[in-house]
């Protein structure tokens, strides 16, 4: 989105926040800039891009120390690493592989290269 084109709808109606922080709606559904996050003080290196054609948003943080803090945080607390879609070892142990779709385990499984379905 930093290029000025939305990756979702290809619109060029893309805007970048002039203030650090994220965006949210208050009780009156008015868009606000969020600058009082808990934890370390926000930096000018955090900004938001939004496409006004489809509503897609992206946030960018260009603060090396903050990025290291995020990468070093204990799993499952404030941040969780995204695991791309792939065939991975079946967590149930019933099959060799189970398909992870990028957000959850599916019923697609594989044993010896043969694919079948088995709900978790």
Protein backbone atom coordinates (compact mmCIF):
# COMPACT_ATOMS: atom_id res chain seq x y z
CA UNK A 1 0.00 0.00 0.00
CA UNK A 2 2.98 2.30 0.42
CA UNK A 3 3.09 2.36 -3.36
CA UNK A 4 -0.31 4.07 -3.46
CA UNK A 5 -2.18 1.04 -4.84
CA UNK A 6 -4.42 -1.23 -2.79
CA UNK A 7 -3.38 -4.92 -2.98
CA UNK A 8 -6.99 -6.02 -2.42
CA UNK A 9 -8.92 -3.99 -5.01
CA UNK A 10 -6.16 -2.21 -7.00
CA UNK A 11 -7.65 1.22 -6.26
CA UNK A 12 -5.37 4.24 -6.03
CA UNK A 13 -7.64 5.80 -3.38
CA UNK A 14 -5.04 5.00 -0.71
CA UNK A 15 -4.31 7.35 2.20
CA UNK A 16 -1.51 7.32 4.77
CA UNK A 17 -1.93 8.59 8.34
CA UNK A 18 -0.01 11.70 9.25
CA UNK A 19 0.09 10.64 12.92
CA UNK A 20 1.72 7.64 14.57
CA UNK A 21 -0.46 4.81 15.72
CA UNK A 22 -3.35 2.72 14.53
CA UNK A 23 -6.92 3.66 13.70
CA UNK A 24 -10.21 2.65 15.31
CA UNK A 25 -13.84 3.73 15.64
CA UNK A 26 -14.99 5.35 18.87
CA UNK A 27 -18.48 4.90 20.35
CA UNK A 28 -19.87 7.47 17.89
CA UNK A 29 -18.26 5.51 15.01
CA UNK A 30 -15.84 8.35 14.32
CA UNK A 31 -12.46 7.30 13.00
CA UNK A 32 -9.71 8.16 15.46
CA UNK A 33 -5.93 7.81 15.47
CA UNK A 34 -4.80 5.57 18.33
CA UNK A 35 -1.71 7.09 19.94
CA UNK A 36 -2.00 5.96 23.58
CA UNK A 37 -1.15 2.28 23.25
CA UNK A 38 0.03 0.46 26.38
CA UNK A 39 3.72 -0.31 26.51
CA UNK A 40 6.58 1.62 24.91
CA UNK A 41 5.85 5.07 23.56
CA UNK A 42 4.77 5.14 19.94
CA UNK A 43 7.20 6.44 17.40
CA UNK A 44 6.83 8.45 14.24
CA UNK A 45 7.88 5.22 12.50
CA UNK A 46 4.43 3.63 12.88
CA UNK A 47 1.77 4.65 10.39
CA UNK A 48 -1.45 3.38 8.86
CA UNK A 49 -2.49 3.11 5.21
CA UNK A 50 -6.16 2.71 4.28
CA UNK A 51 -7.96 2.25 0.95
CA UNK A 52 -11.13 4.32 0.94
CA UNK A 53 -12.54 2.29 -1.96
CA UNK A 54 -12.70 -1.06 -0.12
CA UNK A 55 -11.61 -0.38 3.49
CA UNK A 56 -8.46 -2.50 3.41
CA UNK A 57 -5.86 -1.30 5.97
CA UNK A 58 -2.19 -1.96 6.53
CA UNK A 59 0.01 -0.84 9.41
CA UNK A 60 3.74 -0.26 9.10
CA UNK A 61 6.32 -0.12 11.87
CA UNK A 62 9.82 0.99 10.89
CA UNK A 63 11.32 0.88 14.41
CA UNK A 64 14.05 -1.80 14.55
CA UNK A 65 14.00 -2.08 18.37
CA UNK A 66 10.20 -2.48 18.46
CA UNK A 67 10.36 -5.13 15.72
CA UNK A 68 12.94 -7.09 17.73
CA UNK A 69 10.70 -6.88 20.82
CA UNK A 70 7.79 -8.31 18.83
CA UNK A 71 9.89 -11.14 17.36
CA UNK A 72 11.23 -12.01 20.83
CA UNK A 73 7.86 -11.94 22.64
CA UNK A 74 6.64 -15.21 24.19
CA UNK A 75 4.35 -17.08 21.73
CA UNK A 76 0.63 -16.53 22.17
CA UNK A 77 0.81 -13.50 24.46
CA UNK A 78 0.60 -10.31 22.43
CA UNK A 79 1.84 -11.61 19.09
CA UNK A 80 1.57 -14.91 17.24
CA UNK A 81 3.73 -15.75 14.27
CA UNK A 82 1.73 -16.45 11.11
CA UNK A 83 2.42 -19.90 9.68
CA UNK A 84 1.85 -19.97 5.90
CA UNK A 85 -0.49 -22.54 4.38
CA UNK A 86 1.29 -25.89 3.96
CA UNK A 87 1.18 -29.63 4.53
CA UNK A 88 2.61 -30.13 8.03
CA UNK A 89 2.93 -32.96 10.54
CA UNK A 90 -0.56 -33.89 11.74
CA UNK A 91 -0.93 -32.48 15.27
CA UNK A 92 -3.39 -35.27 16.16
CA UNK A 93 -0.78 -37.91 15.27
CA UNK A 94 -3.36 -39.96 13.34
CA UNK A 95 -1.80 -39.18 9.93
CA UNK A 96 1.57 -38.24 8.48
CA UNK A 97 0.45 -34.81 7.28
CA UNK A 98 -2.50 -32.49 7.71
CA UNK A 99 -3.14 -29.32 5.71
CA UNK A 100 -2.80 -26.00 7.56
CA UNK A 101 -4.65 -23.30 5.55
CA UNK A 102 -2.80 -20.38 7.13
CA UNK A 103 -5.24 -19.91 9.99
CA UNK A 104 -6.47 -23.36 11.05
CA UNK A 105 -6.06 -27.10 10.51
CA UNK A 106 -8.29 -28.58 7.81
CA UNK A 107 -9.77 -32.07 7.41
CA UNK A 108 -7.39 -32.79 4.48
CA UNK A 109 -4.80 -35.38 5.47
CA UNK A 110 -2.10 -37.36 3.70
CA UNK A 111 -0.49 -40.74 4.38
CA UNK A 112 2.15 -42.15 2.03
CA UNK A 113 1.24 -39.50 -0.55
CA UNK A 114 -2.46 -40.46 -0.60
CA UNK A 115 -4.81 -37.65 0.33
CA UNK A 116 -8.04 -38.28 2.24
CA UNK A 117 -10.36 -36.39 4.61
CA UNK A 118 -10.41 -36.80 8.39
CA UNK A 119 -12.00 -34.09 10.58
CA UNK A 120 -10.05 -33.21 13.69
